[in-house]
């Protein structure tokens, strides 16, 4: 597996990012543009981005792609090299589009499902104690905080204090909501045991959805105060916009509300039906593996659906932005990295 992107020089990292964003071969650029235009195009594209196989791309393979990109720009490519070999689209799962740095495995979108599924299984376990509820919510929001931070818009540097602030806020909100709802259900004596168990299984969704929004806003709060870079049609930075930052955070927050919906709502419904089957009635030890498989399937469906709601490189009319942005360019639309 890869040990890091540190073997590439800073200039190579920047060249690689420019290749992804601006100087890609025509075939790749057209494919990226087509992907961005429709929900289903983005969905197909993000299936590549979340492909867990990208976790095992080596640093040597990344270096080879940088060399091919250099040769493409110099016009010295050997015959038979395809656009996909020069710049595999799945590399967007590995390299941050603003910094050119390699994203750590557990915090890439391609690592979200394999590293996040065990946490989802833990969140959905029935008969949770107070301690287990706190533990699983803490673990889930810790992972989410790191994913949000590593996939943020990084066009402006953010102090580590913002990361700590967002982490503490998200974890506190998730645990408080989950524990509060759990205590409420425990005291609801009018519910039958079956109904109480079913409601307990649905508690994670409002807890996680509300905490996810807090997580995104707090983890990326510096973007609201400092703004993010907006680019013209040639990929040049036009200026820094707080309005674009608000759009980026709103879009990302909406994806974080949609993301846990299939993951935390469907498995309880499916498991409630499956646990009535004679096989699972007889073989109770199969319940956890079946539960894990159901969660994995739901996660695999939910992630590309959620992040496909909006393009990663979103566009906004200059008329909606600050006056100085509109005066700095002749373009009607500018682009910004929403983050994932």
C-alpha atoms as a PDB file:
ATOM      1  CA  UNK A   1       0.000   0.000   0.000  1.00  0.00           C
ATOM      2  CA  UNK A   2       1.024   3.608  -0.357  1.00  0.00           C
ATOM      3  CA  UNK A   3       3.080   5.160   2.370  1.00  0.00           C
ATOM      4  CA  UNK A   4       2.484   8.751   1.330  1.00  0.00           C
ATOM      5  CA  UNK A   5       2.648  11.305  -1.457  1.00  0.00           C
ATOM      6  CA  UNK A   6       5.697  12.858   0.129  1.00  0.00           C
ATOM      7  CA  UNK A   7       8.044  11.298  -2.436  1.00  0.00           C
ATOM      8  CA  UNK A   8       6.732  13.833  -4.969  1.00  0.00           C
ATOM      9  CA  UNK A   9       8.274  17.291  -5.005  1.00  0.00           C
ATOM     10  CA  UNK A  10       6.014  20.284  -4.268  1.00  0.00           C
ATOM     11  CA  UNK A  11       6.261  21.388  -7.884  1.00  0.00           C
ATOM     12  CA  UNK A  12       5.146  17.934  -9.019  1.00  0.00           C
ATOM     13  CA  UNK A  13       2.190  18.021  -6.635  1.00  0.00           C
ATOM     14  CA  UNK A  14       1.076  21.362  -8.021  1.00  0.00           C
ATOM     15  CA  UNK A  15       1.579  20.105 -11.565  1.00  0.00           C
ATOM     16  CA  UNK A  16      -0.530  17.057 -10.785  1.00  0.00           C
ATOM     17  CA  UNK A  17      -3.353  19.226  -9.406  1.00  0.00           C
ATOM     18  CA  UNK A  18      -3.212  21.521 -12.426  1.00  0.00           C
ATOM     19  CA  UNK A  19      -3.466  18.410 -14.552  1.00  0.00           C
ATOM     20  CA  UNK A  20      -6.615  17.349 -12.735  1.00  0.00           C
ATOM     21  CA  UNK A  21      -8.231  20.784 -12.790  1.00  0.00           C
ATOM     22  CA  UNK A  22      -7.024  22.499 -15.939  1.00  0.00           C
ATOM     23  CA  UNK A  23      -4.459  20.812 -18.145  1.00  0.00           C
ATOM     24  CA  UNK A  24      -5.912  17.332 -18.419  1.00  0.00           C
ATOM     25  CA  UNK A  25      -5.923  15.624 -21.811  1.00  0.00           C
ATOM     26  CA  UNK A  26      -8.979  16.608 -23.904  1.00  0.00           C
ATOM     27  CA  UNK A  27     -10.633  13.207 -23.460  1.00  0.00           C
ATOM     28  CA  UNK A  28     -10.392  13.437 -19.687  1.00  0.00           C
ATOM     29  CA  UNK A  29     -11.489  17.087 -19.605  1.00  0.00           C
ATOM     30  CA  UNK A  30     -14.573  16.329 -21.701  1.00  0.00           C
ATOM     31  CA  UNK A  31     -15.439  13.341 -19.548  1.00  0.00           C
ATOM     32  CA  UNK A  32     -15.131  15.439 -16.370  1.00  0.00           C
ATOM     33  CA  UNK A  33     -17.343  18.138 -17.898  1.00  0.00           C
ATOM     34  CA  UNK A  34     -19.986  15.570 -18.880  1.00  0.00           C
ATOM     35  CA  UNK A  35     -19.869  14.069 -15.393  1.00  0.00           C
ATOM     36  CA  UNK A  36     -20.431  17.457 -13.799  1.00  0.00           C
ATOM     37  CA  UNK A  37     -23.534  18.364 -15.803  1.00  0.00           C
ATOM     38  CA  UNK A  38     -26.063  15.780 -14.592  1.00  0.00           C
ATOM     39  CA  UNK A  39     -26.815  13.902 -11.402  1.00  0.00           C
ATOM     40  CA  UNK A  40     -26.375  10.520 -13.089  1.00  0.00           C
ATOM     41  CA  UNK A  41     -23.113  11.655 -14.671  1.00  0.00           C
ATOM     42  CA  UNK A  42     -21.808  12.703 -11.269  1.00  0.00           C
ATOM     43  CA  UNK A  43     -23.099   9.465  -9.741  1.00  0.00           C
ATOM     44  CA  UNK A  44     -21.131   7.360 -12.234  1.00  0.00           C
ATOM     45  CA  UNK A  45     -18.062   9.535 -11.707  1.00  0.00           C
ATOM     46  CA  UNK A  46     -18.210   9.275  -7.914  1.00  0.00           C
ATOM     47  CA  UNK A  47     -18.518   5.501  -8.142  1.00  0.00           C
ATOM     48  CA  UNK A  48     -14.926   5.690  -9.424  1.00  0.00           C
ATOM     49  CA  UNK A  49     -13.927   8.164  -6.723  1.00  0.00           C
ATOM     50  CA  UNK A  50     -15.221   5.942  -3.877  1.00  0.00           C
ATOM     51  CA  UNK A  51     -13.780   2.751  -5.384  1.00  0.00           C
ATOM     52  CA  UNK A  52     -11.886   1.083  -2.479  1.00  0.00           C
ATOM     53  CA  UNK A  53      -9.311  -0.260  -4.934  1.00  0.00           C
ATOM     54  CA  UNK A  54      -7.808   3.242  -5.089  1.00  0.00           C
ATOM     55  CA  UNK A  55      -6.653   2.711  -1.507  1.00  0.00           C
ATOM     56  CA  UNK A  56      -3.974   0.407  -2.881  1.00  0.00           C
ATOM     57  CA  UNK A  57      -2.553   2.631  -5.634  1.00  0.00           C
ATOM     58  CA  UNK A  58       1.161   2.967  -4.941  1.00  0.00           C
ATOM     59  CA  UNK A  59       3.240   6.141  -4.739  1.00  0.00           C
ATOM     60  CA  UNK A  60       5.227   4.788  -7.699  1.00  0.00           C
ATOM     61  CA  UNK A  61       2.057   4.648  -9.795  1.00  0.00           C
ATOM     62  CA  UNK A  62       1.236   8.234  -8.842  1.00  0.00           C
ATOM     63  CA  UNK A  63       4.748   9.324  -9.842  1.00  0.00           C
ATOM     64  CA  UNK A  64       4.355   7.554 -13.199  1.00  0.00           C
ATOM     65  CA  UNK A  65       1.148   9.497 -13.831  1.00  0.00           C
ATOM     66  CA  UNK A  66       2.897  12.785 -13.063  1.00  0.00           C
ATOM     67  CA  UNK A  67       5.652  11.888 -15.522  1.00  0.00           C
ATOM     68  CA  UNK A  68       3.090  10.991 -18.199  1.00  0.00           C
ATOM     69  CA  UNK A  69       1.327  14.302 -17.596  1.00  0.00           C
ATOM     70  CA  UNK A  70       4.635  16.180 -18.014  1.00  0.00           C
ATOM     71  CA  UNK A  71       5.319  14.304 -21.252  1.00  0.00           C
ATOM     72  CA  UNK A  72       1.788  14.977 -22.498  1.00  0.00           C
ATOM     73  CA  UNK A  73       2.307  18.736 -22.010  1.00  0.00           C
ATOM     74  CA  UNK A  74       5.695  18.545 -23.794  1.00  0.00           C
ATOM     75  CA  UNK A  75       4.233  16.495 -26.640  1.00  0.00           C
ATOM     76  CA  UNK A  76       6.648  13.588 -26.076  1.00  0.00           C
ATOM     77  CA  UNK A  77       4.230  10.816 -25.129  1.00  0.00           C
ATOM     78  CA  UNK A  78       5.050   7.360 -26.495  1.00  0.00           C
ATOM     79  CA  UNK A  79       2.469   5.918 -28.912  1.00  0.00           C
ATOM     80  CA  UNK A  80      -0.440   3.947 -27.498  1.00  0.00           C
ATOM     81  CA  UNK A  81      -0.767   5.857 -24.206  1.00  0.00           C
ATOM     82  CA  UNK A  82      -4.428   6.539 -23.419  1.00  0.00           C
ATOM     83  CA  UNK A  83      -5.961   9.541 -21.663  1.00  0.00           C
ATOM     84  CA  UNK A  84      -6.939   7.299 -18.754  1.00  0.00           C
ATOM     85  CA  UNK A  85      -3.292   6.254 -18.307  1.00  0.00           C
ATOM     86  CA  UNK A  86      -2.156   9.880 -18.226  1.00  0.00           C
ATOM     87  CA  UNK A  87      -4.702  10.951 -15.640  1.00  0.00           C
ATOM     88  CA  UNK A  88      -6.895   8.217 -14.138  1.00  0.00           C
ATOM     89  CA  UNK A  89     -10.145   9.776 -12.926  1.00  0.00           C
ATOM     90  CA  UNK A  90     -10.042   7.617  -9.807  1.00  0.00           C
ATOM     91  CA  UNK A  91      -6.971   9.572  -8.639  1.00  0.00           C
ATOM     92  CA  UNK A  92      -9.362  12.283  -7.514  1.00  0.00           C
ATOM     93  CA  UNK A  93     -10.054   9.888  -4.646  1.00  0.00           C
ATOM     94  CA  UNK A  94      -6.419  10.185  -3.565  1.00  0.00           C
ATOM     95  CA  UNK A  95      -5.219  13.732  -4.252  1.00  0.00           C
ATOM     96  CA  UNK A  96      -6.742  16.861  -2.729  1.00  0.00           C
ATOM     97  CA  UNK A  97      -7.657  19.236  -5.605  1.00  0.00           C
ATOM     98  CA  UNK A  98      -6.484  22.370  -3.758  1.00  0.00           C
ATOM     99  CA  UNK A  99      -3.245  21.241  -2.134  1.00  0.00           C
ATOM    100  CA  UNK A 100      -1.973  18.370  -4.260  1.00  0.00           C
ATOM    101  CA  UNK A 101      -1.380  16.460  -1.035  1.00  0.00           C
ATOM    102  CA  UNK A 102      -2.338  12.840  -0.633  1.00  0.00           C
ATOM    103  CA  UNK A 103      -5.366  12.294   1.627  1.00  0.00           C
ATOM    104  CA  UNK A 104      -4.846   9.714   4.381  1.00  0.00           C
ATOM    105  CA  UNK A 105      -6.530   6.382   3.633  1.00  0.00           C
ATOM    106  CA  UNK A 106      -9.293   6.323   6.301  1.00  0.00           C
ATOM    107  CA  UNK A 107     -10.348   9.872   5.423  1.00  0.00           C
ATOM    108  CA  UNK A 108     -10.640   9.568   1.643  1.00  0.00           C
ATOM    109  CA  UNK A 109     -14.055   9.121   0.068  1.00  0.00           C
ATOM    110  CA  UNK A 110     -12.800   5.729  -1.122  1.00  0.00           C
ATOM    111  CA  UNK A 111     -12.027   4.860   2.502  1.00  0.00           C
ATOM    112  CA  UNK A 112     -15.302   6.164   3.908  1.00  0.00           C
ATOM    113  CA  UNK A 113     -17.204   2.891   3.384  1.00  0.00           C
ATOM    114  CA  UNK A 114     -14.598   0.298   4.468  1.00  0.00           C
ATOM    115  CA  UNK A 115     -13.539   2.334   7.508  1.00  0.00           C
ATOM    116  CA  UNK A 116     -17.002   3.688   8.325  1.00  0.00           C
ATOM    117  CA  UNK A 117     -19.150   0.549   8.031  1.00  0.00           C
ATOM    118  CA  UNK A 118     -18.016  -1.000  11.359  1.00  0.00           C
ATOM    119  CA  UNK A 119     -19.019   2.258  13.056  1.00  0.00           C
ATOM    120  CA  UNK A 120     -22.446   2.188  11.380  1.00  0.00           C
ATOM    121  CA  UNK A 121     -22.963  -1.382  12.580  1.00  0.00           C
ATOM    122  CA  UNK A 122     -22.108  -0.260  16.106  1.00  0.00           C
ATOM    123  CA  UNK A 123     -24.514   2.681  15.910  1.00  0.00           C
ATOM    124  CA  UNK A 124     -27.358   0.377  14.914  1.00  0.00           C
ATOM    125  CA  UNK A 125     -26.836  -2.338  17.517  1.00  0.00           C
ATOM    126  CA  UNK A 126     -30.030  -2.762  19.578  1.00  0.00           C
ATOM    127  CA  UNK A 127     -30.222  -2.539  23.382  1.00  0.00           C
ATOM    128  CA  UNK A 128     -27.506   0.113  23.608  1.00  0.00           C
ATOM    129  CA  UNK A 129     -26.275   1.138  27.042  1.00  0.00           C
ATOM    130  CA  UNK A 130     -25.463   4.752  27.843  1.00  0.00           C
ATOM    131  CA  UNK A 131     -21.748   4.019  27.598  1.00  0.00           C
ATOM    132  CA  UNK A 132     -22.035   2.207  24.248  1.00  0.00           C
ATOM    133  CA  UNK A 133     -24.208   5.003  22.798  1.00  0.00           C
ATOM    134  CA  UNK A 134     -21.613   7.596  23.777  1.00  0.00           C
ATOM    135  CA  UNK A 135     -18.764   5.447  22.439  1.00  0.00           C
ATOM    136  CA  UNK A 136     -20.275   4.801  18.988  1.00  0.00           C
ATOM    137  CA  UNK A 137     -21.436   8.397  18.514  1.00  0.00           C
ATOM    138  CA  UNK A 138     -17.983   9.634  19.526  1.00  0.00           C
ATOM    139  CA  UNK A 139     -16.265   7.223  17.137  1.00  0.00           C
ATOM    140  CA  UNK A 140     -18.612   8.131  14.268  1.00  0.00           C
ATOM    141  CA  UNK A 141     -18.181  11.875  14.666  1.00  0.00           C
ATOM    142  CA  UNK A 142     -14.418  11.523  15.100  1.00  0.00           C
ATOM    143  CA  UNK A 143     -14.241   9.795  11.721  1.00  0.00           C
ATOM    144  CA  UNK A 144     -16.614  12.325  10.135  1.00  0.00           C
ATOM    145  CA  UNK A 145     -14.595  15.253  11.486  1.00  0.00           C
ATOM    146  CA  UNK A 146     -11.416  13.936   9.890  1.00  0.00           C
ATOM    147  CA  UNK A 147     -13.181  13.201   6.577  1.00  0.00           C
ATOM    148  CA  UNK A 148     -14.665  16.724   6.509  1.00  0.00           C
ATOM    149  CA  UNK A 149     -11.310  18.298   7.319  1.00  0.00           C
ATOM    150  CA  UNK A 150      -9.348  16.284   4.763  1.00  0.00           C
ATOM    151  CA  UNK A 151     -11.894  16.920   1.966  1.00  0.00           C
ATOM    152  CA  UNK A 152     -12.571  20.591   2.719  1.00  0.00           C
ATOM    153  CA  UNK A 153     -11.897  23.537   0.441  1.00  0.00           C
ATOM    154  CA  UNK A 154      -8.235  24.142   1.268  1.00  0.00           C
ATOM    155  CA  UNK A 155      -7.610  27.181  -0.911  1.00  0.00           C
ATOM    156  CA  UNK A 156      -7.069  29.156   2.315  1.00  0.00           C
ATOM    157  CA  UNK A 157      -5.020  27.821   5.259  1.00  0.00           C
ATOM    158  CA  UNK A 158      -6.986  27.018   8.423  1.00  0.00           C
ATOM    159  CA  UNK A 159      -5.468  26.874  11.925  1.00  0.00           C
ATOM    160  CA  UNK A 160      -5.560  23.599  13.825  1.00  0.00           C
ATOM    161  CA  UNK A 161      -7.740  25.327  16.445  1.00  0.00           C
ATOM    162  CA  UNK A 162     -10.625  25.278  13.928  1.00  0.00           C
ATOM    163  CA  UNK A 163     -10.253  21.513  13.597  1.00  0.00           C
ATOM    164  CA  UNK A 164     -10.348  21.060  17.381  1.00  0.00           C
ATOM    165  CA  UNK A 165     -13.325  23.427  17.665  1.00  0.00           C
ATOM    166  CA  UNK A 166     -15.323  21.552  15.033  1.00  0.00           C
ATOM    167  CA  UNK A 167     -14.431  18.177  16.469  1.00  0.00           C
ATOM    168  CA  UNK A 168     -15.554  19.084  19.979  1.00  0.00           C
ATOM    169  CA  UNK A 169     -18.763  20.721  18.727  1.00  0.00           C
ATOM    170  CA  UNK A 170     -19.788  17.790  16.526  1.00  0.00           C
ATOM    171  CA  UNK A 171     -19.075  15.136  19.129  1.00  0.00           C
ATOM    172  CA  UNK A 172     -20.854  17.075  21.867  1.00  0.00           C
ATOM    173  CA  UNK A 173     -23.985  17.624  19.747  1.00  0.00           C
ATOM    174  CA  UNK A 174     -24.195  14.007  18.573  1.00  0.00           C
ATOM    175  CA  UNK A 175     -23.739  12.473  21.989  1.00  0.00           C
ATOM    176  CA  UNK A 176     -26.135  14.939  23.644  1.00  0.00           C
ATOM    177  CA  UNK A 177     -28.932  14.293  21.131  1.00  0.00           C
ATOM    178  CA  UNK A 178     -28.477  10.517  21.098  1.00  0.00           C
ATOM    179  CA  UNK A 179     -28.308  10.189  24.873  1.00  0.00           C
ATOM    180  CA  UNK A 180     -31.274  12.538  25.336  1.00  0.00           C
ATOM    181  CA  UNK A 181     -33.438  10.537  22.937  1.00  0.00           C
ATOM    182  CA  UNK A 182     -32.290   7.275  24.490  1.00  0.00           C
ATOM    183  CA  UNK A 183     -33.303   8.420  27.980  1.00  0.00           C
ATOM    184  CA  UNK A 184     -36.640   9.643  26.625  1.00  0.00           C
ATOM    185  CA  UNK A 185     -37.409   6.247  25.093  1.00  0.00           C
ATOM    186  CA  UNK A 186     -36.361   4.403  28.240  1.00  0.00           C
ATOM    187  CA  UNK A 187     -38.871   6.477  30.216  1.00  0.00           C
ATOM    188  CA  UNK A 188     -41.654   5.994  27.678  1.00  0.00           C
ATOM    189  CA  UNK A 189     -43.311   3.133  29.527  1.00  0.00           C
ATOM    190  CA  UNK A 190     -46.400   3.259  27.344  1.00  0.00           C
ATOM    191  CA  UNK A 191     -44.413   1.763  24.468  1.00  0.00           C
ATOM    192  CA  UNK A 192     -44.411  -1.992  24.105  1.00  0.00           C
ATOM    193  CA  UNK A 193     -40.969  -3.676  24.220  1.00  0.00           C
ATOM    194  CA  UNK A 194     -41.111  -4.284  20.453  1.00  0.00           C
ATOM    195  CA  UNK A 195     -42.005  -0.670  19.679  1.00  0.00           C
ATOM    196  CA  UNK A 196     -39.356   0.611  22.079  1.00  0.00           C
ATOM    197  CA  UNK A 197     -36.713  -1.553  20.385  1.00  0.00           C
ATOM    198  CA  UNK A 198     -37.751  -0.320  16.927  1.00  0.00           C
ATOM    199  CA  UNK A 199     -37.676   3.341  17.977  1.00  0.00           C
ATOM    200  CA  UNK A 200     -34.274   2.858  19.617  1.00  0.00           C
ATOM    201  CA  UNK A 201     -32.948   1.567  16.329  1.00  0.00           C
ATOM    202  CA  UNK A 202     -34.079   4.754  14.569  1.00  0.00           C
ATOM    203  CA  UNK A 203     -32.543   7.099  17.158  1.00  0.00           C
ATOM    204  CA  UNK A 204     -29.148   7.249  15.386  1.00  0.00           C
ATOM    205  CA  UNK A 205     -30.563   9.040  12.297  1.00  0.00           C
ATOM    206  CA  UNK A 206     -31.680  12.369  13.841  1.00  0.00           C
ATOM    207  CA  UNK A 207     -28.628  12.273  16.098  1.00  0.00           C
ATOM    208  CA  UNK A 208     -26.172  11.680  13.268  1.00  0.00           C
ATOM    209  CA  UNK A 209     -27.889  13.989  10.732  1.00  0.00           C
ATOM    210  CA  UNK A 210     -27.946  16.983  13.084  1.00  0.00           C
ATOM    211  CA  UNK A 211     -24.415  16.281  14.285  1.00  0.00           C
ATOM    212  CA  UNK A 212     -23.193  15.980  10.689  1.00  0.00           C
ATOM    213  CA  UNK A 213     -24.433  19.493   9.924  1.00  0.00           C
ATOM    214  CA  UNK A 214     -22.725  20.850  13.050  1.00  0.00           C
ATOM    215  CA  UNK A 215     -19.611  18.920  12.086  1.00  0.00           C
ATOM    216  CA  UNK A 216     -19.372  20.419   8.592  1.00  0.00           C
ATOM    217  CA  UNK A 217     -20.109  23.980   9.703  1.00  0.00           C
ATOM    218  CA  UNK A 218     -17.707  23.902  12.649  1.00  0.00           C
ATOM    219  CA  UNK A 219     -14.942  22.025  10.828  1.00  0.00           C
ATOM    220  CA  UNK A 220     -15.053  24.516   7.932  1.00  0.00           C
ATOM    221  CA  UNK A 221     -16.049  27.662   9.821  1.00  0.00           C
ATOM    222  CA  UNK A 222     -12.892  29.480   8.733  1.00  0.00           C
ATOM    223  CA  UNK A 223     -14.147  29.379   5.126  1.00  0.00           C
ATOM    224  CA  UNK A 224     -17.152  31.490   6.157  1.00  0.00           C
ATOM    225  CA  UNK A 225     -14.995  34.126   7.821  1.00  0.00           C
ATOM    226  CA  UNK A 226     -12.136  34.195   5.300  1.00  0.00           C
ATOM    227  CA  UNK A 227     -13.831  33.134   2.058  1.00  0.00           C
ATOM    228  CA  UNK A 228     -12.680  30.658  -0.585  1.00  0.00           C
ATOM    229  CA  UNK A 229     -10.960  31.100  -3.930  1.00  0.00           C
ATOM    230  CA  UNK A 230     -13.105  31.392  -7.064  1.00  0.00           C
ATOM    231  CA  UNK A 231     -11.694  30.617 -10.504  1.00  0.00           C
ATOM    232  CA  UNK A 232     -12.431  31.921 -13.988  1.00  0.00           C
ATOM    233  CA  UNK A 233     -12.924  29.730 -17.062  1.00  0.00           C
ATOM    234  CA  UNK A 234      -9.138  29.461 -17.505  1.00  0.00           C
ATOM    235  CA  UNK A 235      -8.594  28.239 -13.961  1.00  0.00           C
ATOM    236  CA  UNK A 236      -7.090  31.513 -12.731  1.00  0.00           C
ATOM    237  CA  UNK A 237      -7.980  32.745  -9.244  1.00  0.00           C
ATOM    238  CA  UNK A 238     -10.274  35.775  -9.571  1.00  0.00           C
ATOM    239  CA  UNK A 239     -10.549  36.503  -5.867  1.00  0.00           C
ATOM    240  CA  UNK A 240     -11.781  35.293  -2.501  1.00  0.00           C
ATOM    241  CA  UNK A 241     -15.514  35.074  -1.832  1.00  0.00           C
ATOM    242  CA  UNK A 242     -17.434  34.584   1.423  1.00  0.00           C
ATOM    243  CA  UNK A 243     -20.658  34.167  -0.578  1.00  0.00           C
ATOM    244  CA  UNK A 244     -19.172  31.206  -2.456  1.00  0.00           C
ATOM    245  CA  UNK A 245     -18.046  29.786   0.893  1.00  0.00           C
ATOM    246  CA  UNK A 246     -21.626  29.923   2.196  1.00  0.00           C
ATOM    247  CA  UNK A 247     -22.850  28.107  -0.909  1.00  0.00           C
ATOM    248  CA  UNK A 248     -20.116  25.479  -0.521  1.00  0.00           C
ATOM    249  CA  UNK A 249     -20.950  24.806   3.120  1.00  0.00           C
ATOM    250  CA  UNK A 250     -24.712  24.717   2.522  1.00  0.00           C
ATOM    251  CA  UNK A 251     -24.328  22.200  -0.304  1.00  0.00           C
ATOM    252  CA  UNK A 252     -21.940  20.035   1.704  1.00  0.00           C
ATOM    253  CA  UNK A 253     -24.198  20.167   4.778  1.00  0.00           C
ATOM    254  CA  UNK A 254     -27.167  18.985   2.695  1.00  0.00           C
ATOM    255  CA  UNK A 255     -25.172  15.990   1.481  1.00  0.00           C
ATOM    256  CA  UNK A 256     -24.393  15.124   5.121  1.00  0.00           C
ATOM    257  CA  UNK A 257     -28.110  15.118   5.968  1.00  0.00           C
ATOM    258  CA  UNK A 258     -28.919  12.850   3.018  1.00  0.00           C
ATOM    259  CA  UNK A 259     -25.936  10.532   3.570  1.00  0.00           C
ATOM    260  CA  UNK A 260     -27.083   8.861   6.827  1.00  0.00           C
ATOM    261  CA  UNK A 261     -30.702   8.555   5.693  1.00  0.00           C
ATOM    262  CA  UNK A 262     -30.385   5.258   3.750  1.00  0.00           C
ATOM    263  CA  UNK A 263     -27.623   4.028   6.077  1.00  0.00           C
ATOM    264  CA  UNK A 264     -29.494   4.479   9.346  1.00  0.00           C
ATOM    265  CA  UNK A 265     -33.125   4.127   8.216  1.00  0.00           C
ATOM    266  CA  UNK A 266     -33.061   1.180   5.798  1.00  0.00           C
ATOM    267  CA  UNK A 267     -31.030  -1.360   7.851  1.00  0.00           C
ATOM    268  CA  UNK A 268     -33.385  -1.239  10.888  1.00  0.00           C
ATOM    269  CA  UNK A 269     -36.384  -1.809   8.615  1.00  0.00           C
ATOM    270  CA  UNK A 270     -34.666  -4.613   6.723  1.00  0.00           C
ATOM    271  CA  UNK A 271     -33.329  -6.275   9.872  1.00  0.00           C
ATOM    272  CA  UNK A 272     -36.740  -6.108  11.565  1.00  0.00           C
ATOM    273  CA  UNK A 273     -38.053  -8.241   8.695  1.00  0.00           C
ATOM    274  CA  UNK A 274     -35.032 -10.548   8.376  1.00  0.00           C
ATOM    275  CA  UNK A 275     -34.911 -11.378  12.085  1.00  0.00           C
ATOM    276  CA  UNK A 276     -38.339 -12.968  11.754  1.00  0.00           C
ATOM    277  CA  UNK A 277     -36.981 -15.526   9.280  1.00  0.00           C
ATOM    278  CA  UNK A 278     -36.698 -19.079  10.665  1.00  0.00           C
ATOM    279  CA  UNK A 279     -32.984 -19.247   9.805  1.00  0.00           C
ATOM    280  CA  UNK A 280     -32.086 -16.193  11.896  1.00  0.00           C
ATOM    281  CA  UNK A 281     -34.469 -17.304  14.629  1.00  0.00           C
ATOM    282  CA  UNK A 282     -32.533 -20.566  14.909  1.00  0.00           C
ATOM    283  CA  UNK A 283     -29.039 -19.204  14.231  1.00  0.00           C
ATOM    284  CA  UNK A 284     -28.811 -16.007  16.275  1.00  0.00           C
ATOM    285  CA  UNK A 285     -25.061 -15.790  15.705  1.00  0.00           C
ATOM    286  CA  UNK A 286     -25.812 -14.998  12.043  1.00  0.00           C
ATOM    287  CA  UNK A 287     -27.651 -11.799  12.970  1.00  0.00           C
ATOM    288  CA  UNK A 288     -24.515  -9.650  13.332  1.00  0.00           C
ATOM    289  CA  UNK A 289     -22.899 -10.768  10.014  1.00  0.00           C
ATOM    290  CA  UNK A 290     -26.205 -10.258   8.171  1.00  0.00           C
ATOM    291  CA  UNK A 291     -26.631  -6.887   9.877  1.00  0.00           C
ATOM    292  CA  UNK A 292     -23.114  -5.878   8.812  1.00  0.00           C
ATOM    293  CA  UNK A 293     -23.771  -6.900   5.198  1.00  0.00           C
ATOM    294  CA  UNK A 294     -27.015  -4.904   5.121  1.00  0.00           C
ATOM    295  CA  UNK A 295     -25.200  -1.842   6.527  1.00  0.00           C
ATOM    296  CA  UNK A 296     -22.362  -2.208   4.018  1.00  0.00           C
ATOM    297  CA  UNK A 297     -24.834  -2.377   1.117  1.00  0.00           C
ATOM    298  CA  UNK A 298     -26.767   0.657   2.370  1.00  0.00           C
ATOM    299  CA  UNK A 299     -23.531   2.623   2.858  1.00  0.00           C
ATOM    300  CA  UNK A 300     -22.329   1.698  -0.627  1.00  0.00           C
ATOM    301  CA  UNK A 301     -25.559   3.081  -2.093  1.00  0.00           C
ATOM    302  CA  UNK A 302     -25.878   6.147   0.133  1.00  0.00           C
ATOM    303  CA  UNK A 303     -22.392   7.626  -0.288  1.00  0.00           C
ATOM    304  CA  UNK A 304     -22.358   8.118  -4.088  1.00  0.00           C
ATOM    305  CA  UNK A 305     -26.005   9.241  -4.014  1.00  0.00           C
ATOM    306  CA  UNK A 306     -25.291  11.912  -1.391  1.00  0.00           C
ATOM    307  CA  UNK A 307     -22.077  13.351  -2.812  1.00  0.00           C
ATOM    308  CA  UNK A 308     -23.583  13.385  -6.328  1.00  0.00           C
ATOM    309  CA  UNK A 309     -26.250  15.916  -5.323  1.00  0.00           C
ATOM    310  CA  UNK A 310     -23.890  18.777  -6.222  1.00  0.00           C
ATOM    311  CA  UNK A 311     -20.737  19.005  -8.373  1.00  0.00           C
ATOM    312  CA  UNK A 312     -17.481  19.116  -6.444  1.00  0.00           C
ATOM    313  CA  UNK A 313     -16.302  21.961  -8.671  1.00  0.00           C
ATOM    314  CA  UNK A 314     -19.464  24.074  -8.529  1.00  0.00           C
ATOM    315  CA  UNK A 315     -20.270  27.202 -10.517  1.00  0.00           C
ATOM    316  CA  UNK A 316     -21.920  30.436  -9.423  1.00  0.00           C
ATOM    317  CA  UNK A 317     -22.873  33.633 -11.256  1.00  0.00           C
ATOM    318  CA  UNK A 318     -20.595  36.583 -10.560  1.00  0.00           C
ATOM    319  CA  UNK A 319     -23.745  38.681 -10.033  1.00  0.00           C
ATOM    320  CA  UNK A 320     -24.337  36.735  -6.804  1.00  0.00           C
ATOM    321  CA  UNK A 321     -20.841  37.427  -5.494  1.00  0.00           C
ATOM    322  CA  UNK A 322     -19.075  40.420  -3.998  1.00  0.00           C
ATOM    323  CA  UNK A 323     -18.764  43.487  -6.314  1.00  0.00           C
ATOM    324  CA  UNK A 324     -14.972  43.255  -6.384  1.00  0.00           C
ATOM    325  CA  UNK A 325     -15.230  39.724  -7.821  1.00  0.00           C
ATOM    326  CA  UNK A 326     -17.560  40.877 -10.607  1.00  0.00           C
ATOM    327  CA  UNK A 327     -15.188  43.750 -11.443  1.00  0.00           C
ATOM    328  CA  UNK A 328     -12.147  41.452 -11.572  1.00  0.00           C
ATOM    329  CA  UNK A 329     -13.342  39.214 -14.428  1.00  0.00           C
ATOM    330  CA  UNK A 330     -15.296  39.260 -17.676  1.00  0.00           C
ATOM    331  CA  UNK A 331     -16.660  35.775 -16.993  1.00  0.00           C
ATOM    332  CA  UNK A 332     -20.353  35.447 -16.193  1.00  0.00           C
ATOM    333  CA  UNK A 333     -19.765  32.314 -14.112  1.00  0.00           C
ATOM    334  CA  UNK A 334     -16.909  31.387 -11.797  1.00  0.00           C
ATOM    335  CA  UNK A 335     -15.969  28.042 -10.259  1.00  0.00           C
ATOM    336  CA  UNK A 336     -15.185  27.034  -6.678  1.00  0.00           C
ATOM    337  CA  UNK A 337     -14.250  23.784  -4.975  1.00  0.00           C
ATOM    338  CA  UNK A 338     -17.252  22.827  -2.835  1.00  0.00           C
ATOM    339  CA  UNK A 339     -15.320  20.070  -1.119  1.00  0.00           C
ATOM    340  CA  UNK A 340     -16.701  16.592  -0.487  1.00  0.00           C
END
